[in-house]
C-alpha atoms as a PDB file:
ATOM      1  CA  MET A   1      -5.866 -14.127  -0.397  1.00  0.00           C
ATOM      2  CA  LYS A   2      -2.334 -12.812  -0.193  1.00  0.00           C
ATOM      3  CA  GLU A   3      -0.978 -10.691   2.686  1.00  0.00           C
ATOM      4  CA  PHE A   4       2.152  -8.553   3.094  1.00  0.00           C
ATOM      5  CA  LYS A   5       3.246  -6.696   6.201  1.00  0.00           C
ATOM      6  CA  TYR A   6       5.466  -3.624   5.861  1.00  0.00           C
ATOM      7  CA  VAL A   7       7.077  -1.090   8.280  1.00  0.00           C
ATOM      8  CA  VAL A   8       7.305   2.358   6.631  1.00  0.00           C
ATOM      9  CA  THR A   9      10.978   3.272   6.408  1.00  0.00           C
ATOM     10  CA  ASP A  10      10.843   6.521   4.445  1.00  0.00           C
ATOM     11  CA  ALA A  11      11.597   9.448   6.709  1.00  0.00           C
ATOM     12  CA  GLN A  12       8.613  11.356   5.222  1.00  0.00           C
ATOM     13  CA  GLY A  13       6.250   8.418   5.537  1.00  0.00           C
ATOM     14  CA  ILE A  14       3.984   7.492   2.666  1.00  0.00           C
ATOM     15  CA  HIS A  15       2.970  10.938   1.597  1.00  0.00           C
ATOM     16  CA  ALA A  16       1.133  12.046  -1.570  1.00  0.00           C
ATOM     17  CA  ARG A  17       3.811  11.327  -4.139  1.00  0.00           C
ATOM     18  CA  PRO A  18       4.693   7.754  -3.177  1.00  0.00           C
ATOM     19  CA  ALA A  19       1.027   6.957  -2.446  1.00  0.00           C
ATOM     20  CA  GLY A  20       0.110   8.242  -5.907  1.00  0.00           C
ATOM     21  CA  ILE A  21       2.792   6.184  -7.584  1.00  0.00           C
ATOM     22  CA  LEU A  22       1.650   3.051  -5.781  1.00  0.00           C
ATOM     23  CA  VAL A  23      -2.028   3.707  -6.632  1.00  0.00           C
ATOM     24  CA  LYS A  24      -1.106   4.212 -10.288  1.00  0.00           C
ATOM     25  CA  ALA A  25       0.988   1.008 -10.317  1.00  0.00           C
ATOM     26  CA  ILE A  26      -1.859  -1.207  -9.041  1.00  0.00           C
ATOM     27  CA  ALA A  27      -4.887   0.640 -10.617  1.00  0.00           C
ATOM     28  CA  LYS A  28      -5.219  -1.858 -13.478  1.00  0.00           C
ATOM     29  CA  LYS A  29      -5.085  -4.933 -11.218  1.00  0.00           C
ATOM     30  CA  THR A  30      -8.429  -6.729 -10.965  1.00  0.00           C
ATOM     31  CA  SER A  31      -7.838  -7.974  -7.426  1.00  0.00           C
ATOM     32  CA  ASP A  32      -9.322  -6.193  -4.420  1.00  0.00           C
ATOM     33  CA  ILE A  33      -6.238  -4.575  -2.712  1.00  0.00           C
ATOM     34  CA  LYS A  34      -6.619  -3.224   0.847  1.00  0.00           C
ATOM     35  CA  ILE A  35      -4.209  -1.519   3.179  1.00  0.00           C
ATOM     36  CA  LYS A  36      -4.560  -1.208   6.970  1.00  0.00           C
ATOM     37  CA  LYS A  37      -2.382   0.626   9.488  1.00  0.00           C
ATOM     38  CA  ALA A  38      -1.547  -1.316  12.682  1.00  0.00           C
ATOM     39  CA  GLY A  39      -3.709  -0.188  15.509  1.00  0.00           C
ATOM     40  CA  ASP A  40      -6.345   1.397  13.214  1.00  0.00           C
ATOM     41  CA  THR A  41      -9.710  -0.189  12.523  1.00  0.00           C
ATOM     42  CA  ARG A  42      -9.929   1.252   9.075  1.00  0.00           C
ATOM     43  CA  GLU A  43      -9.027  -0.732   6.071  1.00  0.00           C
ATOM     44  CA  VAL A  44      -8.805   1.345   2.809  1.00  0.00           C
ATOM     45  CA  ASN A  45      -8.766   0.543  -0.873  1.00  0.00           C
ATOM     46  CA  ALA A  46      -5.055   0.795  -1.845  1.00  0.00           C
ATOM     47  CA  LYS A  47      -6.192   1.844  -5.398  1.00  0.00           C
ATOM     48  CA  SER A  48      -7.617   5.104  -3.869  1.00  0.00           C
ATOM     49  CA  ILE A  49      -5.297   8.054  -3.342  1.00  0.00           C
ATOM     50  CA  MET A  50      -7.822   9.612  -0.990  1.00  0.00           C
ATOM     51  CA  GLY A  51      -8.132   6.317   1.005  1.00  0.00           C
ATOM     52  CA  MET A  52      -4.332   6.069   1.241  1.00  0.00           C
ATOM     53  CA  MET A  53      -3.877   9.656   2.389  1.00  0.00           C
ATOM     54  CA  THR A  54      -6.536   9.213   5.190  1.00  0.00           C
ATOM     55  CA  LEU A  55      -4.310   6.626   6.850  1.00  0.00           C
ATOM     56  CA  GLY A  56      -1.484   9.186   7.478  1.00  0.00           C
ATOM     57  CA  LEU A  57       1.298   6.648   7.226  1.00  0.00           C
ATOM     58  CA  ASP A  58       4.386   7.915   9.066  1.00  0.00           C
ATOM     59  CA  ASN A  59       7.834   6.529   9.339  1.00  0.00           C
ATOM     60  CA  GLY A  60       8.036   3.442  11.602  1.00  0.00           C
ATOM     61  CA  GLU A  61       4.364   2.494  11.289  1.00  0.00           C
ATOM     62  CA  GLU A  62       3.351  -1.038  10.254  1.00  0.00           C
ATOM     63  CA  VAL A  63       0.812  -1.663   7.582  1.00  0.00           C
ATOM     64  CA  THR A  64      -0.785  -4.818   6.288  1.00  0.00           C
ATOM     65  CA  VAL A  65      -1.575  -4.989   2.654  1.00  0.00           C
ATOM     66  CA  THR A  66      -4.019  -7.704   1.329  1.00  0.00           C
ATOM     67  CA  ALA A  67      -4.909  -8.748  -2.167  1.00  0.00           C
ATOM     68  CA  ASN A  68      -7.828 -10.991  -3.163  1.00  0.00           C
ATOM     69  CA  GLY A  69      -8.673 -11.877  -6.683  1.00  0.00           C
ATOM     70  CA  LYS A  70      -7.465 -13.516  -9.889  1.00  0.00           C
ATOM     71  CA  ASP A  71      -4.204 -11.503 -10.169  1.00  0.00           C
ATOM     72  CA  GLU A  72      -3.543 -11.301  -6.368  1.00  0.00           C
ATOM     73  CA  SER A  73      -0.045 -12.842  -6.607  1.00  0.00           C
ATOM     74  CA  GLU A  74       0.996 -10.398  -9.371  1.00  0.00           C
ATOM     75  CA  ALA A  75      -0.621  -7.510  -7.540  1.00  0.00           C
ATOM     76  CA  MET A  76       1.034  -8.299  -4.253  1.00  0.00           C
ATOM     77  CA  ASP A  77       4.432  -8.804  -5.949  1.00  0.00           C
ATOM     78  CA  GLY A  78       4.100  -5.242  -7.382  1.00  0.00           C
ATOM     79  CA  VAL A  79       3.068  -3.754  -4.025  1.00  0.00           C
ATOM     80  CA  GLU A  80       5.837  -5.524  -2.118  1.00  0.00           C
ATOM     81  CA  LYS A  81       8.480  -4.623  -4.684  1.00  0.00           C
ATOM     82  CA  TYR A  82       7.438  -0.931  -4.608  1.00  0.00           C
ATOM     83  CA  LEU A  83       7.193  -0.633  -0.836  1.00  0.00           C
ATOM     84  CA  SER A  84      10.485  -2.463  -0.299  1.00  0.00           C
ATOM     85  CA  SER A  85      12.452  -0.109  -2.556  1.00  0.00           C
ATOM     86  CA  PRO A  86      13.486   3.461  -1.769  1.00  0.00           C
ATOM     87  CA  PHE A  87      10.797   5.891  -2.907  1.00  0.00           C
ATOM     88  CA  ALA A  88      11.722   8.196  -5.766  1.00  0.00           C
ATOM     89  CA  GLU A  89      12.834  11.571  -4.751  1.00  0.00           C
END
């Protein structure tokens, strides 16, 4: 299992557009990819736009992303690369 912690830096948080781009980018990965907001008991499927939106990820909040499966390293590299870059306007 791979794990990545990230603090949301976008002023708008992870709203529908960046969440949708992330979901689309990882949809074809076979690994189970989950995301959890610090202080929240829910862990959601990062491949689900509805799951991502239920977390309400605002600027400054920390999330933990985990990937478990055959392509977990590749999946996590993609997630980390996307979250660490400025979201498209």
